[in-house]
Amino acid sequence: MKLSARNILAGTVETLHKGAVTTTLKVALPGGHHITSSITNEAADDLALKVGDQVSAIIKSSDVIIGK
């Protein structure tokens, strides 16, 4: 698969929390960092995600908003 996104972070699914509509997952990245993603339950089921899976967090964004 080819992607136009340039920010691809490989990691391991650390936690999965399935809600009424979305699944929130925490991905452990190398160096002790984490990224959290919220995806539809349908997408989580299609990917058959489970804790310990090796995944890629693919980030495509034209804006990054920082607040303080």
C-alpha atoms as a PDB file:
ATOM      1  CA  MET A   1       0.000   0.000   0.000  1.00  0.00           C
ATOM      2  CA  LYS A   2       1.278   3.462  -0.876  1.00  0.00           C
ATOM      3  CA  LEU A   3       0.317   6.418   1.309  1.00  0.00           C
ATOM      4  CA  SER A   4       0.650  10.157   0.879  1.00  0.00           C
ATOM      5  CA  ALA A   5       1.238  10.569   4.626  1.00  0.00           C
ATOM      6  CA  ARG A   6       4.851  11.012   5.677  1.00  0.00           C
ATOM      7  CA  ASN A   7       4.452  10.532   9.410  1.00  0.00           C
ATOM      8  CA  ILE A   8       4.301   6.801  10.119  1.00  0.00           C
ATOM      9  CA  LEU A   9       5.088   5.634  13.654  1.00  0.00           C
ATOM     10  CA  ALA A  10       5.500   1.924  14.346  1.00  0.00           C
ATOM     11  CA  GLY A  11       4.418   0.696  17.748  1.00  0.00           C
ATOM     12  CA  THR A  12       2.577  -1.854  19.845  1.00  0.00           C
ATOM     13  CA  VAL A  13      -1.044  -1.715  21.000  1.00  0.00           C
ATOM     14  CA  GLU A  14      -0.874  -1.259  24.762  1.00  0.00           C
ATOM     15  CA  THR A  15      -4.536  -0.701  25.661  1.00  0.00           C
ATOM     16  CA  LEU A  16      -7.934  -0.929  23.933  1.00  0.00           C
ATOM     17  CA  HIS A  17     -11.140   0.600  25.297  1.00  0.00           C
ATOM     18  CA  LYS A  18     -14.251  -0.105  23.253  1.00  0.00           C
ATOM     19  CA  GLY A  19     -17.057   2.396  23.734  1.00  0.00           C
ATOM     20  CA  ALA A  20     -20.552   2.638  22.267  1.00  0.00           C
ATOM     21  CA  VAL A  21     -19.299   3.952  18.909  1.00  0.00           C
ATOM     22  CA  THR A  22     -15.520   4.314  19.039  1.00  0.00           C
ATOM     23  CA  THR A  23     -12.516   2.376  20.262  1.00  0.00           C
ATOM     24  CA  THR A  24      -9.673   4.270  21.912  1.00  0.00           C
ATOM     25  CA  LEU A  25      -6.277   2.641  21.730  1.00  0.00           C
ATOM     26  CA  LYS A  26      -2.938   3.559  23.248  1.00  0.00           C
ATOM     27  CA  VAL A  27       0.102   2.667  21.136  1.00  0.00           C
ATOM     28  CA  ALA A  28       3.514   2.322  22.775  1.00  0.00           C
ATOM     29  CA  LEU A  29       6.258   3.820  20.603  1.00  0.00           C
ATOM     30  CA  PRO A  30      10.006   3.234  20.827  1.00  0.00           C
ATOM     31  CA  GLY A  31      11.763   5.296  23.475  1.00  0.00           C
ATOM     32  CA  GLY A  32       8.900   5.089  25.969  1.00  0.00           C
ATOM     33  CA  HIS A  33       6.559   7.459  24.140  1.00  0.00           C
ATOM     34  CA  HIS A  34       2.854   6.806  23.489  1.00  0.00           C
ATOM     35  CA  ILE A  35       0.225   7.951  21.039  1.00  0.00           C
ATOM     36  CA  THR A  36      -3.524   7.626  21.532  1.00  0.00           C
ATOM     37  CA  SER A  37      -6.014   7.177  18.716  1.00  0.00           C
ATOM     38  CA  SER A  38      -9.780   7.022  18.521  1.00  0.00           C
ATOM     39  CA  ILE A  39     -11.215   4.923  15.683  1.00  0.00           C
ATOM     40  CA  THR A  40     -14.648   3.515  14.927  1.00  0.00           C
ATOM     41  CA  ASN A  41     -15.564   0.188  16.470  1.00  0.00           C
ATOM     42  CA  GLU A  42     -16.099  -1.109  12.940  1.00  0.00           C
ATOM     43  CA  ALA A  43     -12.501  -0.222  12.008  1.00  0.00           C
ATOM     44  CA  ALA A  44     -11.169  -1.852  15.181  1.00  0.00           C
ATOM     45  CA  ASP A  45     -13.160  -5.008  14.412  1.00  0.00           C
ATOM     46  CA  ASP A  46     -12.047  -5.042  10.751  1.00  0.00           C
ATOM     47  CA  LEU A  47      -8.417  -4.802  11.880  1.00  0.00           C
ATOM     48  CA  ALA A  48      -9.032  -7.420  14.606  1.00  0.00           C
ATOM     49  CA  LEU A  49      -6.973  -5.284  16.971  1.00  0.00           C
ATOM     50  CA  LYS A  50      -5.790  -6.734  20.262  1.00  0.00           C
ATOM     51  CA  VAL A  51      -3.269  -5.778  22.920  1.00  0.00           C
ATOM     52  CA  GLY A  52       0.247  -6.684  21.808  1.00  0.00           C
ATOM     53  CA  ASP A  53      -0.404  -6.203  18.075  1.00  0.00           C
ATOM     54  CA  GLN A  54       2.262  -4.449  16.040  1.00  0.00           C
ATOM     55  CA  VAL A  55       0.629  -1.467  14.306  1.00  0.00           C
ATOM     56  CA  SER A  56       1.504   1.724  12.469  1.00  0.00           C
ATOM     57  CA  ALA A  57       0.088   5.094  13.520  1.00  0.00           C
ATOM     58  CA  ILE A  58      -0.220   7.062  10.290  1.00  0.00           C
ATOM     59  CA  ILE A  59      -0.584  10.808  10.754  1.00  0.00           C
ATOM     60  CA  LYS A  60      -1.811  13.043   7.946  1.00  0.00           C
ATOM     61  CA  SER A  61      -2.463  16.615   8.956  1.00  0.00           C
ATOM     62  CA  SER A  62      -1.901  20.043   7.506  1.00  0.00           C
ATOM     63  CA  ASP A  63      -2.210  21.712  10.922  1.00  0.00           C
ATOM     64  CA  VAL A  64      -0.946  20.940  14.395  1.00  0.00           C
ATOM     65  CA  ILE A  65      -2.587  23.070  17.045  1.00  0.00           C
ATOM     66  CA  ILE A  66      -0.726  23.715  20.311  1.00  0.00           C
ATOM     67  CA  GLY A  67      -2.359  25.280  23.359  1.00  0.00           C
ATOM     68  CA  LYS A  68      -1.098  26.357  26.731  1.00  0.00           C
END
